[in-house]
Amino acid sequence: MEKARLVRLLGTVLDQELEEDDIFIIEDDREEPVSKISPAEFHDRLRFPLFEVLKYPYLLCYRDLCDLVVKALCKLQDMKQSLTVFEKYQGTYLLLVHPNEQVRRWAIDTAKTMKSVDRDTYYDLKEIFFCMFYIIELGISLDFPDLEPESYAGGVVQMLPSHLYDSQNKKNYWLGLFISFLQILFS
């Protein structure tokens, strides 16, 4: 139910922003479409749905919702309206190993700006860290079958689905884990 609501909400805002328009700004031999809504308004419409997904990371396990979150974060970055996060949401740490470089860079920059993970916060993030370490334990380059979407309905991320990490790029995965270690070690 919440997944469908968020898909509908994010889809509506993204469709409104990404609709083709006849008005373009031509600058330095580049054409850029004029946005239907201002970057600040776009940011404000997306902020709370994105916070909700980051707070409840099992929602990222649904590929269609995750794809919309990726589009939204990338579009915000392109508009120079990066999503600023002040709380240590589990989803932020989960996105440290995301295959999309722009999303992964956003998650790394966000994690670096937050204070280190203290003991109490660690217990809140433990589930996500275990999922990330579990992939390493099993072998990152293996192609694991994804769990059925219904298995995430209980709100628990048991295993990272394949769309949340790049099994072919170990370097980026280790970079995300390294940032996680830094957050834990220097608390």
N, C-alpha and C. Protein backbone atom coordinates (compact mmCIF):
# COMPACT_ATOMS: atom_id res chain seq x y z
N MET A 1 0.83 -1.18 0.00
CA MET A 1 0.00 0.00 0.00
C MET A 1 0.88 1.26 0.00
N GLU A 2 1.85 1.34 0.93
CA GLU A 2 2.71 2.51 0.95
C GLU A 2 3.59 2.57 -0.30
N LYS A 3 3.99 1.39 -0.80
CA LYS A 3 4.79 1.34 -2.02
C LYS A 3 4.01 1.95 -3.18
N ALA A 4 2.77 1.54 -3.33
CA ALA A 4 1.93 2.05 -4.43
C ALA A 4 1.72 3.56 -4.31
N ARG A 5 1.52 4.03 -3.09
CA ARG A 5 1.34 5.47 -2.87
C ARG A 5 2.59 6.25 -3.26
N LEU A 6 3.76 5.75 -2.85
CA LEU A 6 5.01 6.43 -3.16
C LEU A 6 5.34 6.37 -4.65
N VAL A 7 5.06 5.24 -5.28
CA VAL A 7 5.28 5.13 -6.74
C VAL A 7 4.41 6.15 -7.46
N ARG A 8 3.16 6.23 -7.05
CA ARG A 8 2.23 7.18 -7.68
C ARG A 8 2.69 8.62 -7.45
N LEU A 9 3.07 8.94 -6.22
CA LEU A 9 3.48 10.29 -5.87
C LEU A 9 4.77 10.70 -6.60
N LEU A 10 5.79 9.87 -6.51
CA LEU A 10 7.05 10.19 -7.18
C LEU A 10 6.88 10.22 -8.69
N GLY A 11 6.12 9.28 -9.21
CA GLY A 11 5.87 9.25 -10.65
C GLY A 11 5.18 10.50 -11.15
N THR A 12 4.20 10.97 -10.39
CA THR A 12 3.47 12.19 -10.77
C THR A 12 4.40 13.41 -10.80
N VAL A 13 5.21 13.57 -9.76
CA VAL A 13 6.11 14.73 -9.70
C VAL A 13 7.17 14.63 -10.80
N LEU A 14 7.74 13.45 -11.00
CA LEU A 14 8.76 13.29 -12.04
C LEU A 14 8.16 13.49 -13.44
N ASP A 15 6.96 12.96 -13.67
CA ASP A 15 6.32 13.13 -14.98
C ASP A 15 6.04 14.60 -15.25
N GLN A 16 5.61 15.30 -14.23
CA GLN A 16 5.33 16.73 -14.39
C GLN A 16 6.61 17.48 -14.76
N GLU A 17 7.71 17.13 -14.13
CA GLU A 17 8.97 17.82 -14.39
C GLU A 17 9.58 17.40 -15.72
N LEU A 18 9.47 16.13 -16.07
CA LEU A 18 10.16 15.62 -17.25
C LEU A 18 9.33 15.68 -18.53
N GLU A 19 8.12 16.25 -18.47
CA GLU A 19 7.31 16.37 -19.68
C GLU A 19 8.03 17.22 -20.71
N GLU A 20 7.84 16.85 -21.97
CA GLU A 20 8.43 17.62 -23.06
C GLU A 20 7.75 18.98 -23.13
N ASP A 21 8.52 19.99 -23.44
CA ASP A 21 8.00 21.33 -23.55
C ASP A 21 8.55 21.97 -24.81
N ASP A 22 7.87 23.00 -25.28
CA ASP A 22 8.28 23.67 -26.50
C ASP A 22 9.22 24.84 -26.24
N ILE A 23 9.47 25.16 -25.00
CA ILE A 23 10.31 26.30 -24.67
C ILE A 23 11.69 25.80 -24.26
N PHE A 24 12.72 26.33 -24.92
CA PHE A 24 14.09 25.94 -24.65
C PHE A 24 14.95 27.18 -24.43
N ILE A 25 15.98 27.03 -23.62
CA ILE A 25 17.00 28.05 -23.48
C ILE A 25 18.20 27.57 -24.27
N ILE A 26 18.67 28.42 -25.18
CA ILE A 26 19.83 28.06 -25.98
C ILE A 26 21.01 28.87 -25.47
N GLU A 27 22.01 28.14 -24.98
CA GLU A 27 23.19 28.79 -24.41
C GLU A 27 24.41 27.97 -24.79
N ASP A 28 25.41 28.63 -25.36
CA ASP A 28 26.64 27.96 -25.77
C ASP A 28 26.36 26.74 -26.65
N ASP A 29 25.48 26.91 -27.62
CA ASP A 29 25.11 25.86 -28.58
C ASP A 29 24.50 24.63 -27.91
N ARG A 30 23.91 24.83 -26.74
CA ARG A 30 23.19 23.74 -26.06
C ARG A 30 21.75 24.17 -25.86
N GLU A 31 20.86 23.24 -26.06
CA GLU A 31 19.44 23.49 -25.81
C GLU A 31 19.05 22.83 -24.50
N GLU A 32 18.45 23.60 -23.61
CA GLU A 32 17.95 23.06 -22.35
C GLU A 32 16.48 23.42 -22.22
N PRO A 33 15.63 22.44 -21.97
CA PRO A 33 14.21 22.76 -21.83
C PRO A 33 13.95 23.59 -20.58
N VAL A 34 12.97 24.45 -20.67
CA VAL A 34 12.56 25.25 -19.53
C VAL A 34 11.65 24.38 -18.67
N SER A 35 11.95 24.32 -17.41
CA SER A 35 11.21 23.47 -16.48
C SER A 35 9.81 24.02 -16.23
N LYS A 36 8.86 23.11 -16.04
CA LYS A 36 7.49 23.52 -15.75
C LYS A 36 7.34 24.01 -14.31
N ILE A 37 8.20 23.52 -13.42
CA ILE A 37 8.18 23.97 -12.04
C ILE A 37 9.60 24.39 -11.67
N SER A 38 9.72 25.25 -10.70
CA SER A 38 11.04 25.74 -10.30
C SER A 38 11.82 24.61 -9.61
N PRO A 39 13.14 24.67 -9.67
CA PRO A 39 13.94 23.65 -8.97
C PRO A 39 13.63 23.57 -7.47
N ALA A 40 13.40 24.71 -6.83
CA ALA A 40 13.08 24.71 -5.39
C ALA A 40 11.74 24.02 -5.13
N GLU A 41 10.76 24.27 -5.99
CA GLU A 41 9.45 23.63 -5.83
C GLU A 41 9.55 22.12 -6.08
N PHE A 42 10.33 21.75 -7.09
CA PHE A 42 10.56 20.33 -7.38
C PHE A 42 11.19 19.64 -6.17
N HIS A 43 12.20 20.28 -5.58
CA HIS A 43 12.87 19.76 -4.38
C HIS A 43 11.87 19.59 -3.23
N ASP A 44 11.05 20.61 -3.01
CA ASP A 44 10.08 20.56 -1.91
C ASP A 44 9.06 19.45 -2.09
N ARG A 45 8.64 19.21 -3.32
CA ARG A 45 7.65 18.14 -3.58
C ARG A 45 8.25 16.75 -3.38
N LEU A 46 9.54 16.62 -3.60
CA LEU A 46 10.18 15.31 -3.50
C LEU A 46 10.77 15.02 -2.13
N ARG A 47 11.03 16.05 -1.36
CA ARG A 47 11.78 15.89 -0.11
C ARG A 47 11.17 14.85 0.83
N PHE A 48 9.90 14.98 1.17
CA PHE A 48 9.31 14.08 2.17
C PHE A 48 9.10 12.65 1.65
N PRO A 49 8.68 12.46 0.39
CA PRO A 49 8.63 11.07 -0.09
C PRO A 49 10.01 10.41 -0.11
N LEU A 50 11.05 11.17 -0.48
CA LEU A 50 12.39 10.59 -0.47
C LEU A 50 12.86 10.29 0.94
N PHE A 51 12.57 11.17 1.89
CA PHE A 51 12.92 10.89 3.28
C PHE A 51 12.23 9.62 3.77
N GLU A 52 10.98 9.43 3.37
CA GLU A 52 10.24 8.24 3.79
C GLU A 52 10.91 6.97 3.26
N VAL A 53 11.32 6.99 2.00
CA VAL A 53 11.99 5.82 1.42
C VAL A 53 13.34 5.58 2.09
N LEU A 54 14.07 6.65 2.38
CA LEU A 54 15.37 6.49 3.04
C LEU A 54 15.22 6.00 4.48
N LYS A 55 14.15 6.41 5.14
CA LYS A 55 13.92 5.98 6.52
C LYS A 55 13.52 4.51 6.59
N TYR A 56 12.79 4.04 5.59
CA TYR A 56 12.34 2.64 5.53
C TYR A 56 12.95 1.98 4.31
N PRO A 57 14.20 1.51 4.43
CA PRO A 57 14.96 1.05 3.26
C PRO A 57 14.40 -0.18 2.57
N TYR A 58 13.52 -0.92 3.22
CA TYR A 58 12.94 -2.07 2.53
C TYR A 58 12.17 -1.61 1.30
N LEU A 59 11.74 -0.34 1.29
CA LEU A 59 11.04 0.20 0.12
C LEU A 59 11.96 0.26 -1.11
N LEU A 60 13.26 0.42 -0.89
CA LEU A 60 14.22 0.43 -2.00
C LEU A 60 14.36 -0.95 -2.64
N CYS A 61 13.91 -1.97 -1.96
CA CYS A 61 14.00 -3.33 -2.50
C CYS A 61 13.00 -3.57 -3.63
N TYR A 62 12.01 -2.70 -3.76
CA TYR A 62 11.07 -2.78 -4.88
C TYR A 62 11.67 -2.01 -6.04
N ARG A 63 11.99 -2.72 -7.11
CA ARG A 63 12.73 -2.13 -8.22
C ARG A 63 12.05 -0.90 -8.81
N ASP A 64 10.74 -0.95 -9.00
CA ASP A 64 10.06 0.19 -9.64
C ASP A 64 10.14 1.44 -8.76
N LEU A 65 9.99 1.28 -7.46
CA LEU A 65 10.10 2.42 -6.56
C LEU A 65 11.55 2.91 -6.49
N CYS A 66 12.49 1.99 -6.44
CA CYS A 66 13.91 2.36 -6.40
C CYS A 66 14.30 3.13 -7.66
N ASP A 67 13.80 2.70 -8.81
CA ASP A 67 14.10 3.41 -10.06
C ASP A 67 13.61 4.85 -10.02
N LEU A 68 12.44 5.07 -9.44
CA LEU A 68 11.92 6.43 -9.31
C LEU A 68 12.76 7.25 -8.33
N VAL A 69 13.20 6.64 -7.25
CA VAL A 69 14.05 7.33 -6.28
C VAL A 69 15.37 7.72 -6.95
N VAL A 70 15.94 6.83 -7.74
CA VAL A 70 17.18 7.12 -8.45
C VAL A 70 16.98 8.29 -9.42
N LYS A 71 15.88 8.25 -10.18
CA LYS A 71 15.59 9.35 -11.11
C LYS A 71 15.43 10.67 -10.36
N ALA A 72 14.74 10.63 -9.24
CA ALA A 72 14.51 11.85 -8.46
C ALA A 72 15.81 12.40 -7.90
N LEU A 73 16.65 11.54 -7.31
CA LEU A 73 17.92 12.01 -6.76
C LEU A 73 18.83 12.57 -7.85
N CYS A 74 18.86 11.90 -9.00
CA CYS A 74 19.69 12.37 -10.11
C CYS A 74 19.18 13.71 -10.65
N LYS A 75 17.88 13.82 -10.79
CA LYS A 75 17.31 15.07 -11.30
C LYS A 75 17.58 16.22 -10.33
N LEU A 76 17.45 15.96 -9.04
CA LEU A 76 17.76 16.99 -8.04
C LEU A 76 19.23 17.41 -8.14
N GLN A 77 20.11 16.44 -8.32
CA GLN A 77 21.54 16.75 -8.48
C GLN A 77 21.76 17.61 -9.73
N ASP A 78 21.11 17.23 -10.82
CA ASP A 78 21.25 17.98 -12.07
C ASP A 78 20.75 19.40 -11.94
N MET A 79 19.74 19.60 -11.11
CA MET A 79 19.16 20.93 -10.90
C MET A 79 19.92 21.71 -9.82
N LYS A 80 20.98 21.12 -9.29
CA LYS A 80 21.76 21.75 -8.22
C LYS A 80 20.90 21.96 -6.97
N GLN A 81 19.99 21.01 -6.73
CA GLN A 81 19.09 21.05 -5.57
C GLN A 81 19.23 19.75 -4.78
N SER A 82 20.46 19.38 -4.49
CA SER A 82 20.72 18.10 -3.84
C SER A 82 19.88 17.94 -2.57
N LEU A 83 19.41 16.74 -2.35
CA LEU A 83 18.64 16.43 -1.16
C LEU A 83 19.58 16.43 0.05
N THR A 84 19.30 17.28 1.01
CA THR A 84 20.11 17.37 2.21
C THR A 84 19.44 16.56 3.31
N VAL A 85 20.20 15.64 3.88
CA VAL A 85 19.69 14.75 4.92
C VAL A 85 20.44 15.04 6.21
N PHE A 86 19.69 15.20 7.29
CA PHE A 86 20.31 15.50 8.58
C PHE A 86 20.26 14.32 9.55
N GLU A 87 19.47 13.32 9.23
CA GLU A 87 19.36 12.15 10.08
C GLU A 87 20.04 10.96 9.41
N LYS A 88 20.45 10.01 10.22
CA LYS A 88 21.14 8.83 9.69
C LYS A 88 20.12 7.77 9.29
N TYR A 89 19.54 8.00 8.12
CA TYR A 89 18.56 7.05 7.60
C TYR A 89 19.27 5.81 7.06
N GLN A 90 18.67 4.66 7.26
CA GLN A 90 19.25 3.41 6.77
C GLN A 90 19.42 3.42 5.25
N GLY A 91 18.47 4.01 4.56
CA GLY A 91 18.53 4.03 3.10
C GLY A 91 19.72 4.79 2.56
N THR A 92 20.16 5.81 3.27
CA THR A 92 21.34 6.55 2.83
C THR A 92 22.55 5.63 2.81
N TYR A 93 22.71 4.83 3.84
CA TYR A 93 23.84 3.90 3.91
C TYR A 93 23.70 2.77 2.90
N LEU A 94 22.48 2.34 2.65
CA LEU A 94 22.24 1.32 1.65
C LEU A 94 22.65 1.80 0.26
N LEU A 95 22.44 3.07 -0.01
CA LEU A 95 22.77 3.63 -1.33
C LEU A 95 24.27 3.86 -1.51
N LEU A 96 25.08 3.63 -0.49
CA LEU A 96 26.53 3.75 -0.63
C LEU A 96 27.10 2.75 -1.64
N VAL A 97 26.38 1.68 -1.91
CA VAL A 97 26.87 0.65 -2.85
C VAL A 97 26.00 0.58 -4.11
N HIS A 98 25.16 1.57 -4.34
CA HIS A 98 24.25 1.56 -5.49
C HIS A 98 25.04 1.61 -6.79
N PRO A 99 24.57 0.92 -7.83
CA PRO A 99 25.30 0.91 -9.11
C PRO A 99 25.32 2.25 -9.84
N ASN A 100 24.36 3.12 -9.59
CA ASN A 100 24.34 4.42 -10.26
C ASN A 100 25.36 5.33 -9.57
N GLU A 101 26.35 5.80 -10.33
CA GLU A 101 27.44 6.58 -9.76
C GLU A 101 26.96 7.88 -9.13
N GLN A 102 26.00 8.53 -9.75
CA GLN A 102 25.51 9.80 -9.22
C GLN A 102 24.81 9.59 -7.86
N VAL A 103 24.05 8.54 -7.75
CA VAL A 103 23.37 8.22 -6.48
C VAL A 103 24.39 7.81 -5.43
N ARG A 104 25.32 6.98 -5.83
CA ARG A 104 26.36 6.53 -4.89
C ARG A 104 27.18 7.73 -4.39
N ARG A 105 27.54 8.64 -5.28
CA ARG A 105 28.29 9.85 -4.89
C ARG A 105 27.48 10.70 -3.92
N TRP A 106 26.16 10.83 -4.19
CA TRP A 106 25.29 11.58 -3.27
C TRP A 106 25.30 10.93 -1.88
N ALA A 107 25.18 9.59 -1.84
CA ALA A 107 25.15 8.88 -0.56
C ALA A 107 26.48 9.02 0.18
N ILE A 108 27.59 8.95 -0.54
CA ILE A 108 28.90 9.10 0.08
C ILE A 108 29.05 10.51 0.65
N ASP A 109 28.70 11.51 -0.14
CA ASP A 109 28.80 12.90 0.34
C ASP A 109 27.89 13.13 1.54
N THR A 110 26.70 12.55 1.51
CA THR A 110 25.76 12.70 2.62
C THR A 110 26.30 12.01 3.88
N ALA A 111 26.83 10.80 3.73
CA ALA A 111 27.38 10.07 4.89
C ALA A 111 28.58 10.81 5.48
N LYS A 112 29.39 11.42 4.64
CA LYS A 112 30.56 12.15 5.13
C LYS A 112 30.16 13.40 5.93
N THR A 113 29.04 14.02 5.57
CA THR A 113 28.65 15.24 6.27
C THR A 113 28.00 14.96 7.62
N MET A 114 27.52 13.75 7.82
CA MET A 114 26.92 13.40 9.10
C MET A 114 28.00 13.01 10.09
N LYS A 115 27.69 13.17 11.35
CA LYS A 115 28.64 12.75 12.38
C LYS A 115 28.79 11.24 12.31
N SER A 116 29.81 10.75 12.98
CA SER A 116 30.06 9.31 13.00
C SER A 116 28.89 8.57 13.63
N VAL A 117 28.85 7.30 13.33
CA VAL A 117 27.79 6.44 13.86
C VAL A 117 28.14 6.05 15.29
N ASP A 118 27.33 6.48 16.25
CA ASP A 118 27.57 6.09 17.63
C ASP A 118 26.93 4.73 17.91
N ARG A 119 27.11 4.26 19.13
CA ARG A 119 26.63 2.92 19.47
C ARG A 119 25.12 2.77 19.27
N ASP A 120 24.35 3.75 19.73
CA ASP A 120 22.90 3.66 19.60
C ASP A 120 22.47 3.69 18.13
N THR A 121 23.11 4.55 17.36
CA THR A 121 22.78 4.64 15.94
C THR A 121 23.19 3.37 15.21
N TYR A 122 24.31 2.78 15.63
CA TYR A 122 24.77 1.54 15.01
C TYR A 122 23.69 0.47 15.09
N TYR A 123 23.04 0.37 16.23
CA TYR A 123 22.00 -0.65 16.37
C TYR A 123 20.83 -0.38 15.43
N ASP A 124 20.57 0.89 15.13
CA ASP A 124 19.52 1.22 14.16
C ASP A 124 19.93 0.86 12.74
N LEU A 125 21.23 0.94 12.45
CA LEU A 125 21.75 0.70 11.10
C LEU A 125 22.27 -0.72 10.89
N LYS A 126 22.32 -1.49 11.96
CA LYS A 126 22.93 -2.82 11.94
C LYS A 126 22.36 -3.72 10.84
N GLU A 127 21.08 -3.70 10.64
CA GLU A 127 20.44 -4.55 9.63
C GLU A 127 21.01 -4.27 8.23
N ILE A 128 21.18 -3.00 7.91
CA ILE A 128 21.70 -2.62 6.60
C ILE A 128 23.16 -3.02 6.46
N PHE A 129 23.96 -2.77 7.50
CA PHE A 129 25.37 -3.15 7.44
C PHE A 129 25.52 -4.65 7.26
N PHE A 130 24.71 -5.44 7.96
CA PHE A 130 24.78 -6.89 7.82
C PHE A 130 24.45 -7.33 6.40
N CYS A 131 23.46 -6.70 5.79
CA CYS A 131 23.12 -7.04 4.41
C CYS A 131 24.27 -6.74 3.46
N MET A 132 24.92 -5.61 3.70
CA MET A 132 26.05 -5.22 2.85
C MET A 132 27.22 -6.19 3.05
N PHE A 133 27.49 -6.59 4.28
CA PHE A 133 28.59 -7.51 4.55
C PHE A 133 28.26 -8.93 4.08
N TYR A 134 27.00 -9.28 4.09
CA TYR A 134 26.56 -10.61 3.66
C TYR A 134 26.91 -10.86 2.19
N ILE A 135 26.77 -9.83 1.37
CA ILE A 135 27.11 -9.95 -0.05
C ILE A 135 28.59 -10.27 -0.20
N ILE A 136 29.44 -9.63 0.60
CA ILE A 136 30.89 -9.88 0.56
C ILE A 136 31.17 -11.31 1.00
N GLU A 137 30.50 -11.74 2.05
CA GLU A 137 30.71 -13.08 2.58
C GLU A 137 30.37 -14.15 1.54
N LEU A 138 29.29 -13.93 0.79
CA LEU A 138 28.87 -14.92 -0.20
C LEU A 138 29.66 -14.81 -1.50
N GLY A 139 30.24 -13.65 -1.76
CA GLY A 139 30.98 -13.44 -3.00
C GLY A 139 30.25 -12.43 -3.85
N ILE A 140 30.81 -11.25 -3.98
CA ILE A 140 30.12 -10.15 -4.63
C ILE A 140 29.83 -10.40 -6.10
N SER A 141 30.68 -11.15 -6.78
CA SER A 141 30.50 -11.31 -8.22
C SER A 141 29.49 -12.40 -8.57
N LEU A 142 28.95 -13.06 -7.58
CA LEU A 142 27.96 -14.08 -7.86
C LEU A 142 26.62 -13.43 -8.17
N ASP A 143 25.87 -14.05 -9.03
CA ASP A 143 24.52 -13.55 -9.33
C ASP A 143 23.54 -14.34 -8.48
N PHE A 144 23.06 -13.71 -7.44
CA PHE A 144 22.11 -14.36 -6.54
C PHE A 144 20.71 -14.14 -7.05
N PRO A 145 19.86 -15.13 -6.88
CA PRO A 145 18.46 -14.88 -7.23
C PRO A 145 17.86 -13.92 -6.21
N ASP A 146 17.10 -12.96 -6.69
CA ASP A 146 16.46 -12.01 -5.79
C ASP A 146 15.34 -12.70 -5.02
N LEU A 147 15.10 -12.21 -3.82
CA LEU A 147 13.97 -12.70 -3.05
C LEU A 147 12.68 -12.19 -3.68
N GLU A 148 11.61 -12.85 -3.41
CA GLU A 148 10.31 -12.40 -3.92
C GLU A 148 9.97 -11.06 -3.26
N PRO A 149 9.36 -10.14 -4.01
CA PRO A 149 9.01 -8.83 -3.43
C PRO A 149 8.17 -8.92 -2.15
N GLU A 150 7.36 -9.96 -2.03
CA GLU A 150 6.53 -10.11 -0.85
C GLU A 150 7.36 -10.32 0.41
N SER A 151 8.59 -10.81 0.25
CA SER A 151 9.43 -11.08 1.43
C SER A 151 9.89 -9.79 2.10
N TYR A 152 9.78 -8.65 1.41
CA TYR A 152 10.15 -7.36 2.01
C TYR A 152 8.95 -6.66 2.65
N ALA A 153 7.78 -7.22 2.49
CA ALA A 153 6.56 -6.57 2.99
C ALA A 153 6.57 -6.40 4.51
N GLY A 154 7.34 -7.22 5.21
CA GLY A 154 7.41 -7.10 6.66
C GLY A 154 8.30 -5.96 7.13
N GLY A 155 8.93 -5.26 6.19
CA GLY A 155 9.75 -4.12 6.55
C GLY A 155 11.19 -4.46 6.89
N VAL A 156 11.62 -5.69 6.57
CA VAL A 156 12.98 -6.12 6.88
C VAL A 156 13.73 -6.39 5.58
N VAL A 157 14.95 -5.88 5.49
CA VAL A 157 15.80 -6.16 4.34
C VAL A 157 16.64 -7.37 4.71
N GLN A 158 16.28 -8.54 4.15
CA GLN A 158 16.98 -9.76 4.49
C GLN A 158 18.25 -9.93 3.67
N MET A 159 18.18 -9.48 2.41
CA MET A 159 19.31 -9.61 1.50
C MET A 159 19.17 -8.51 0.45
N LEU A 160 20.29 -7.92 0.05
CA LEU A 160 20.23 -6.85 -0.96
C LEU A 160 19.76 -7.42 -2.30
N PRO A 161 18.74 -6.81 -2.89
CA PRO A 161 18.36 -7.23 -4.23
C PRO A 161 19.41 -6.76 -5.23
N SER A 162 19.49 -7.43 -6.37
CA SER A 162 20.55 -7.18 -7.34
C SER A 162 20.54 -5.77 -7.91
N HIS A 163 19.40 -5.08 -7.90
CA HIS A 163 19.37 -3.72 -8.45
C HIS A 163 19.96 -2.68 -7.50
N LEU A 164 20.32 -3.08 -6.27
CA LEU A 164 20.89 -2.13 -5.31
C LEU A 164 22.42 -2.18 -5.24
N TYR A 165 23.05 -3.07 -5.98
CA TYR A 165 24.51 -3.09 -6.03
C TYR A 165 24.95 -3.65 -7.39
N ASP A 166 26.16 -3.32 -7.78
CA ASP A 166 26.72 -3.75 -9.06
C ASP A 166 27.64 -4.93 -8.80
N SER A 167 27.20 -6.11 -9.17
CA SER A 167 28.01 -7.30 -8.90
C SER A 167 29.26 -7.37 -9.78
N GLN A 168 29.31 -6.56 -10.81
CA GLN A 168 30.47 -6.58 -11.71
C GLN A 168 31.54 -5.56 -11.32
N ASN A 169 31.25 -4.69 -10.37
CA ASN A 169 32.19 -3.64 -10.00
C ASN A 169 32.49 -3.71 -8.51
N LYS A 170 33.45 -4.53 -8.15
CA LYS A 170 33.80 -4.72 -6.75
C LYS A 170 34.37 -3.46 -6.13
N LYS A 171 35.10 -2.67 -6.91
CA LYS A 171 35.74 -1.45 -6.39
C LYS A 171 34.70 -0.50 -5.79
N ASN A 172 33.61 -0.27 -6.50
CA ASN A 172 32.58 0.65 -6.00
C ASN A 172 31.88 0.09 -4.77
N TYR A 173 31.70 -1.21 -4.74
CA TYR A 173 31.07 -1.83 -3.57
C TYR A 173 31.97 -1.66 -2.35
N TRP A 174 33.26 -1.93 -2.52
CA TRP A 174 34.19 -1.78 -1.41
C TRP A 174 34.31 -0.34 -0.96
N LEU A 175 34.22 0.61 -1.90
CA LEU A 175 34.25 2.02 -1.53
C LEU A 175 33.09 2.35 -0.60
N GLY A 176 31.88 1.88 -0.95
CA GLY A 176 30.73 2.10 -0.09
C GLY A 176 30.91 1.48 1.28
N LEU A 177 31.45 0.28 1.32
CA LEU A 177 31.71 -0.37 2.61
C LEU A 177 32.77 0.39 3.40
N PHE A 178 33.78 0.88 2.72
CA PHE A 178 34.84 1.64 3.38
C PHE A 178 34.27 2.89 4.05
N ILE A 179 33.40 3.60 3.35
CA ILE A 179 32.76 4.78 3.93
C ILE A 179 31.95 4.37 5.16
N SER A 180 31.26 3.24 5.08
CA SER A 180 30.51 2.74 6.23
C SER A 180 31.43 2.45 7.41
N PHE A 181 32.56 1.79 7.12
CA PHE A 181 33.54 1.50 8.18
C PHE A 181 34.01 2.79 8.83
N LEU A 182 34.33 3.78 8.02
CA LEU A 182 34.80 5.06 8.57
C LEU A 182 33.78 5.68 9.50
N GLN A 183 32.52 5.59 9.12
CA GLN A 183 31.45 6.14 9.95
C GLN A 183 31.35 5.40 11.28
N ILE A 184 31.58 4.10 11.26
CA ILE A 184 31.48 3.29 12.48
C ILE A 184 32.73 3.46 13.34
N LEU A 185 33.89 3.41 12.71
CA LEU A 185 35.15 3.40 13.47
C LEU A 185 35.44 4.72 14.18
N PHE A 186 35.06 5.81 13.59
CA PHE A 186 35.42 7.09 14.17
C PHE A 186 34.26 7.72 14.94
N SER A 187 33.57 6.89 15.67
CA SER A 187 32.48 7.40 16.50
C SER A 187 32.94 7.60 17.92
